[in-house]
Amino acid sequence: MKLAWLGLSVWFLSFCIDATEIDSQILIQASPLAGFQYYAGKSVWKKMHEGDPLTLVREPGNVHDDNAIRVDWRGQQLGYVPRRDNSALARLMDKGVRLDARIVRLTVSRDPWQRIVFEVYETLNDENSRF
């Protein structure tokens, strides 16, 4: 009886879960946010939460850094991926790889480099899998 119940349970779960809806994520890097003090970080600080999605915007024509990648939260610029961490991400983005990001740590600190730590990852599913 237990074996029959187990088989029925597995069938039910496989029926309920559509495998095309399951995504995998590959963590590429975690970085502090550069430039927090110069952009909207202070004005939106109390609204942000750990886990919030961030948007990465490639800026190949940036006068300060050819590999520049802007980091936005809900349409507000927070800063940039640090120069020391952006070259591999810039190459991936330039090849058309869609990268996602999210806030992993918010810290109240006088040092702007310690306030926001974010991670960059690639979401893999059947439509955009490179593997």
C-alpha atoms as a PDB file:
ATOM      1  CA  MET A   1       0.000   0.000   0.000  1.00  0.00           C
ATOM      2  CA  LYS A   2       2.835   2.403   0.845  1.00  0.00           C
ATOM      3  CA  LEU A   3       4.473   1.743  -2.531  1.00  0.00           C
ATOM      4  CA  ALA A   4       1.223   2.492  -4.366  1.00  0.00           C
ATOM      5  CA  TRP A   5       0.821   5.718  -2.371  1.00  0.00           C
ATOM      6  CA  LEU A   6       4.391   6.731  -3.195  1.00  0.00           C
ATOM      7  CA  GLY A   7       3.821   6.091  -6.901  1.00  0.00           C
ATOM      8  CA  LEU A   8       0.609   8.112  -6.856  1.00  0.00           C
ATOM      9  CA  SER A   9       2.393  10.964  -5.032  1.00  0.00           C
ATOM     10  CA  VAL A  10       5.220  11.061  -7.576  1.00  0.00           C
ATOM     11  CA  TRP A  11       2.719  11.060 -10.448  1.00  0.00           C
ATOM     12  CA  PHE A  12       0.728  13.880  -8.831  1.00  0.00           C
ATOM     13  CA  LEU A  13       3.853  15.997  -8.254  1.00  0.00           C
ATOM     14  CA  SER A  14       5.075  15.469 -11.807  1.00  0.00           C
ATOM     15  CA  PHE A  15       1.632  16.449 -13.064  1.00  0.00           C
ATOM     16  CA  CYS A  16       1.587  19.641 -10.958  1.00  0.00           C
ATOM     17  CA  ILE A  17       5.115  20.803 -11.724  1.00  0.00           C
ATOM     18  CA  ASP A  18       5.761  21.877 -15.287  1.00  0.00           C
ATOM     19  CA  ALA A  19       9.480  21.292 -15.883  1.00  0.00           C
ATOM     20  CA  THR A  20       9.662  24.267 -18.248  1.00  0.00           C
ATOM     21  CA  GLU A  21       8.897  26.556 -15.324  1.00  0.00           C
ATOM     22  CA  ILE A  22      11.928  25.457 -13.314  1.00  0.00           C
ATOM     23  CA  ASP A  23      14.891  27.794 -13.701  1.00  0.00           C
ATOM     24  CA  SER A  24      18.435  27.345 -12.500  1.00  0.00           C
ATOM     25  CA  GLN A  25      20.738  30.181 -11.575  1.00  0.00           C
ATOM     26  CA  ILE A  26      24.494  30.331 -11.902  1.00  0.00           C
ATOM     27  CA  LEU A  27      26.093  32.815  -9.522  1.00  0.00           C
ATOM     28  CA  ILE A  28      28.754  34.754 -11.379  1.00  0.00           C
ATOM     29  CA  GLN A  29      29.940  37.184  -8.710  1.00  0.00           C
ATOM     30  CA  ALA A  30      29.084  39.208  -5.629  1.00  0.00           C
ATOM     31  CA  SER A  31      30.320  42.795  -5.399  1.00  0.00           C
ATOM     32  CA  PRO A  32      29.921  45.964  -3.384  1.00  0.00           C
ATOM     33  CA  LEU A  33      28.170  48.786  -5.204  1.00  0.00           C
ATOM     34  CA  ALA A  34      30.435  51.542  -6.514  1.00  0.00           C
ATOM     35  CA  GLY A  35      29.233  55.145  -6.449  1.00  0.00           C
ATOM     36  CA  PHE A  36      26.406  54.768  -3.913  1.00  0.00           C
ATOM     37  CA  GLN A  37      27.047  58.272  -2.565  1.00  0.00           C
ATOM     38  CA  TYR A  38      26.712  59.906  -6.000  1.00  0.00           C
ATOM     39  CA  TYR A  39      23.382  58.514  -7.151  1.00  0.00           C
ATOM     40  CA  ALA A  40      19.889  57.709  -5.790  1.00  0.00           C
ATOM     41  CA  GLY A  41      20.999  55.270  -3.068  1.00  0.00           C
ATOM     42  CA  LYS A  42      20.427  57.652  -0.181  1.00  0.00           C
ATOM     43  CA  SER A  43      16.957  58.690  -1.344  1.00  0.00           C
ATOM     44  CA  VAL A  44      15.680  55.116  -1.817  1.00  0.00           C
ATOM     45  CA  TRP A  45      17.611  53.422   1.015  1.00  0.00           C
ATOM     46  CA  LYS A  46      14.587  52.877   3.283  1.00  0.00           C
ATOM     47  CA  LYS A  47      12.575  51.318   0.440  1.00  0.00           C
ATOM     48  CA  MET A  48      15.167  48.721  -0.599  1.00  0.00           C
ATOM     49  CA  HIS A  49      15.252  45.168   0.768  1.00  0.00           C
ATOM     50  CA  GLU A  50      17.626  42.257   0.564  1.00  0.00           C
ATOM     51  CA  GLY A  51      16.527  40.094  -2.354  1.00  0.00           C
ATOM     52  CA  ASP A  52      15.247  43.015  -4.423  1.00  0.00           C
ATOM     53  CA  PRO A  53      16.045  42.627  -8.124  1.00  0.00           C
ATOM     54  CA  LEU A  54      18.460  45.045  -9.746  1.00  0.00           C
ATOM     55  CA  THR A  55      18.852  45.946 -13.404  1.00  0.00           C
ATOM     56  CA  LEU A  56      22.267  45.932 -15.053  1.00  0.00           C
ATOM     57  CA  VAL A  57      22.719  48.370 -17.939  1.00  0.00           C
ATOM     58  CA  ARG A  58      25.820  48.151 -20.109  1.00  0.00           C
ATOM     59  CA  GLU A  59      27.405  51.542 -20.888  1.00  0.00           C
ATOM     60  CA  PRO A  60      30.133  50.843 -23.488  1.00  0.00           C
ATOM     61  CA  GLY A  61      30.478  54.545 -24.313  1.00  0.00           C
ATOM     62  CA  ASN A  62      31.086  55.619 -20.704  1.00  0.00           C
ATOM     63  CA  VAL A  63      33.888  58.222 -20.725  1.00  0.00           C
ATOM     64  CA  HIS A  64      35.408  56.867 -17.483  1.00  0.00           C
ATOM     65  CA  ASP A  65      35.322  53.133 -18.207  1.00  0.00           C
ATOM     66  CA  ASP A  66      34.697  51.208 -21.448  1.00  0.00           C
ATOM     67  CA  ASN A  67      33.463  48.238 -19.372  1.00  0.00           C
ATOM     68  CA  ALA A  68      31.009  50.306 -17.307  1.00  0.00           C
ATOM     69  CA  ILE A  69      27.833  48.597 -16.102  1.00  0.00           C
ATOM     70  CA  ARG A  70      25.218  50.748 -14.392  1.00  0.00           C
ATOM     71  CA  VAL A  71      23.189  49.269 -11.531  1.00  0.00           C
ATOM     72  CA  ASP A  72      19.546  50.389 -11.231  1.00  0.00           C
ATOM     73  CA  TRP A  73      16.844  49.654  -8.662  1.00  0.00           C
ATOM     74  CA  ARG A  74      13.274  50.231  -9.878  1.00  0.00           C
ATOM     75  CA  GLY A  75      14.453  52.711 -12.501  1.00  0.00           C
ATOM     76  CA  GLN A  76      16.692  54.635 -10.092  1.00  0.00           C
ATOM     77  CA  GLN A  77      20.437  54.554 -10.659  1.00  0.00           C
ATOM     78  CA  LEU A  78      22.243  53.296  -7.555  1.00  0.00           C
ATOM     79  CA  GLY A  79      25.775  53.237  -8.936  1.00  0.00           C
ATOM     80  CA  TYR A  80      28.028  50.889 -10.913  1.00  0.00           C
ATOM     81  CA  VAL A  81      29.617  47.474 -10.856  1.00  0.00           C
ATOM     82  CA  PRO A  82      33.106  48.253  -9.501  1.00  0.00           C
ATOM     83  CA  ARG A  83      35.747  48.714 -12.203  1.00  0.00           C
ATOM     84  CA  ARG A  84      37.843  45.880 -10.747  1.00  0.00           C
ATOM     85  CA  ASP A  85      34.874  43.477 -11.148  1.00  0.00           C
ATOM     86  CA  ASN A  86      33.248  44.539 -14.416  1.00  0.00           C
ATOM     87  CA  SER A  87      35.391  43.288 -17.332  1.00  0.00           C
ATOM     88  CA  ALA A  88      34.109  39.680 -17.393  1.00  0.00           C
ATOM     89  CA  LEU A  89      30.509  40.846 -16.956  1.00  0.00           C
ATOM     90  CA  ALA A  90      30.934  43.413 -19.752  1.00  0.00           C
ATOM     91  CA  ARG A  91      32.226  40.717 -22.124  1.00  0.00           C
ATOM     92  CA  LEU A  92      29.253  38.465 -21.309  1.00  0.00           C
ATOM     93  CA  MET A  93      26.761  41.293 -21.788  1.00  0.00           C
ATOM     94  CA  ASP A  94      28.427  42.321 -25.045  1.00  0.00           C
ATOM     95  CA  LYS A  95      27.926  38.747 -26.304  1.00  0.00           C
ATOM     96  CA  GLY A  96      24.209  39.022 -25.539  1.00  0.00           C
ATOM     97  CA  VAL A  97      24.153  37.023 -22.305  1.00  0.00           C
ATOM     98  CA  ARG A  98      21.299  38.206 -20.094  1.00  0.00           C
ATOM     99  CA  LEU A  99      22.555  38.781 -16.562  1.00  0.00           C
ATOM    100  CA  ASP A 100      20.358  39.387 -13.554  1.00  0.00           C
ATOM    101  CA  ALA A 101      21.258  40.903 -10.201  1.00  0.00           C
ATOM    102  CA  ARG A 102      19.801  41.227  -6.718  1.00  0.00           C
ATOM    103  CA  ILE A 103      20.640  42.879  -3.427  1.00  0.00           C
ATOM    104  CA  VAL A 104      22.145  40.380  -0.990  1.00  0.00           C
ATOM    105  CA  ARG A 105      23.153  42.672   1.848  1.00  0.00           C
ATOM    106  CA  LEU A 106      22.229  46.149   3.040  1.00  0.00           C
ATOM    107  CA  THR A 107      24.431  47.567   5.789  1.00  0.00           C
ATOM    108  CA  VAL A 108      24.145  50.881   7.592  1.00  0.00           C
ATOM    109  CA  SER A 109      27.694  52.205   7.398  1.00  0.00           C
ATOM    110  CA  ARG A 110      29.578  55.448   6.950  1.00  0.00           C
ATOM    111  CA  ASP A 111      31.622  53.710   4.260  1.00  0.00           C
ATOM    112  CA  PRO A 112      29.548  53.810   1.032  1.00  0.00           C
ATOM    113  CA  TRP A 113      31.410  50.721  -0.263  1.00  0.00           C
ATOM    114  CA  GLN A 114      29.873  48.656   2.543  1.00  0.00           C
ATOM    115  CA  ARG A 115      26.243  49.767   2.181  1.00  0.00           C
ATOM    116  CA  ILE A 116      25.071  47.520  -0.670  1.00  0.00           C
ATOM    117  CA  VAL A 117      26.414  44.145  -1.722  1.00  0.00           C
ATOM    118  CA  PHE A 118      24.778  42.607  -4.774  1.00  0.00           C
ATOM    119  CA  GLU A 119      25.184  39.414  -6.699  1.00  0.00           C
ATOM    120  CA  VAL A 120      25.120  38.887 -10.435  1.00  0.00           C
ATOM    121  CA  TYR A 121      23.817  35.647 -11.850  1.00  0.00           C
ATOM    122  CA  GLU A 122      22.622  34.055 -15.047  1.00  0.00           C
ATOM    123  CA  THR A 123      19.200  32.434 -15.003  1.00  0.00           C
ATOM    124  CA  LEU A 124      19.126  29.275 -17.088  1.00  0.00           C
ATOM    125  CA  ASN A 125      15.988  27.761 -18.550  1.00  0.00           C
ATOM    126  CA  ASP A 126      15.205  25.944 -21.753  1.00  0.00           C
ATOM    127  CA  GLU A 127      14.858  29.178 -23.732  1.00  0.00           C
ATOM    128  CA  ASN A 128      18.169  30.834 -22.895  1.00  0.00           C
ATOM    129  CA  SER A 129      20.386  27.999 -21.781  1.00  0.00           C
ATOM    130  CA  ARG A 130      23.913  28.129 -23.161  1.00  0.00           C
ATOM    131  CA  PHE A 131      24.640  24.617 -21.869  1.00  0.00           C
END
